Protein backbone atom coordinates (compact mmCIF):
# COMPACT_ATOMS: atom_id res chain seq x y z
CA UNK A 1 -0.47 -0.22 -0.07
CA UNK A 2 1.63 3.67 -0.87
CA UNK A 3 2.07 5.66 2.26
CA UNK A 4 0.01 9.39 1.05
CA UNK A 5 1.41 12.79 2.54
CA UNK A 6 -2.16 13.87 2.39
CA UNK A 7 -5.24 11.75 4.73
CA UNK A 8 -8.09 11.75 2.81
CA UNK A 9 -10.73 10.02 4.92
CA UNK A 10 -13.91 10.99 5.38
CA UNK A 11 -13.24 14.27 2.00
CA UNK A 12 -14.57 15.08 -0.74
CA UNK A 13 -11.87 15.30 -4.19
CA UNK A 14 -12.77 16.42 -7.29
CA UNK A 15 -11.59 14.73 -10.49
CA UNK A 16 -12.08 16.53 -13.70
CA UNK A 17 -11.37 14.34 -16.95
CA UNK A 18 -12.78 11.54 -14.43
CA UNK A 19 -13.94 9.47 -17.69
CA UNK A 20 -10.64 9.41 -19.94
CA UNK A 21 -8.09 6.89 -18.68
CA UNK A 22 -5.83 8.78 -16.25
CA UNK A 23 -9.30 9.79 -14.65
CA UNK A 24 -11.16 6.72 -14.13
CA UNK A 25 -8.22 5.23 -12.90
CA UNK A 26 -7.67 7.75 -10.18
CA UNK A 27 -10.98 7.82 -9.26
CA UNK A 28 -10.96 3.70 -8.69
CA UNK A 29 -7.63 3.85 -6.96
CA UNK A 30 -8.91 6.85 -4.46
CA UNK A 31 -12.06 4.09 -3.90
CA UNK A 32 -9.98 1.21 -3.30
CA UNK A 33 -7.34 2.72 -1.50
CA UNK A 34 -9.17 5.40 1.64
CA UNK A 35 -12.33 4.82 3.07
CA UNK A 36 -14.75 6.69 3.39
CA UNK A 37 -14.30 8.68 1.00
CA UNK A 38 -16.50 10.37 -1.35
CA UNK A 39 -16.23 11.13 -5.22
CA UNK A 40 -17.49 14.05 -7.80
CA UNK A 41 -16.07 13.49 -11.39
CA UNK A 42 -15.85 15.19 -13.68
CA UNK A 43 -15.56 15.65 -17.88
CA UNK A 44 -16.52 17.32 -21.00
CA UNK A 45 -18.45 14.89 -23.56
CA UNK A 46 -17.89 16.48 -27.04
CA UNK A 47 -18.03 15.39 -29.85
CA UNK A 48 -14.70 15.66 -30.21
CA UNK A 49 -13.48 12.05 -29.51
CA UNK A 50 -16.11 9.10 -29.20
CA UNK A 51 -18.70 9.43 -26.38
CA UNK A 52 -19.61 6.25 -26.60
CA UNK A 53 -16.50 5.51 -25.32
CA UNK A 54 -16.82 7.00 -22.59
CA UNK A 55 -19.97 5.95 -21.03
């Protein structure tokens, strides 16, 4: 397990780009490693990328 410098237990974290590769893996890791965390994920669903991939 990784030792974090900041205690995120009981906190709310905002992740931008949550539907992308890095953002989605960060969200998964936060849920896996930290108890009692709330994650708010936002992303831009534009036609530039295939929206079906992000859904």
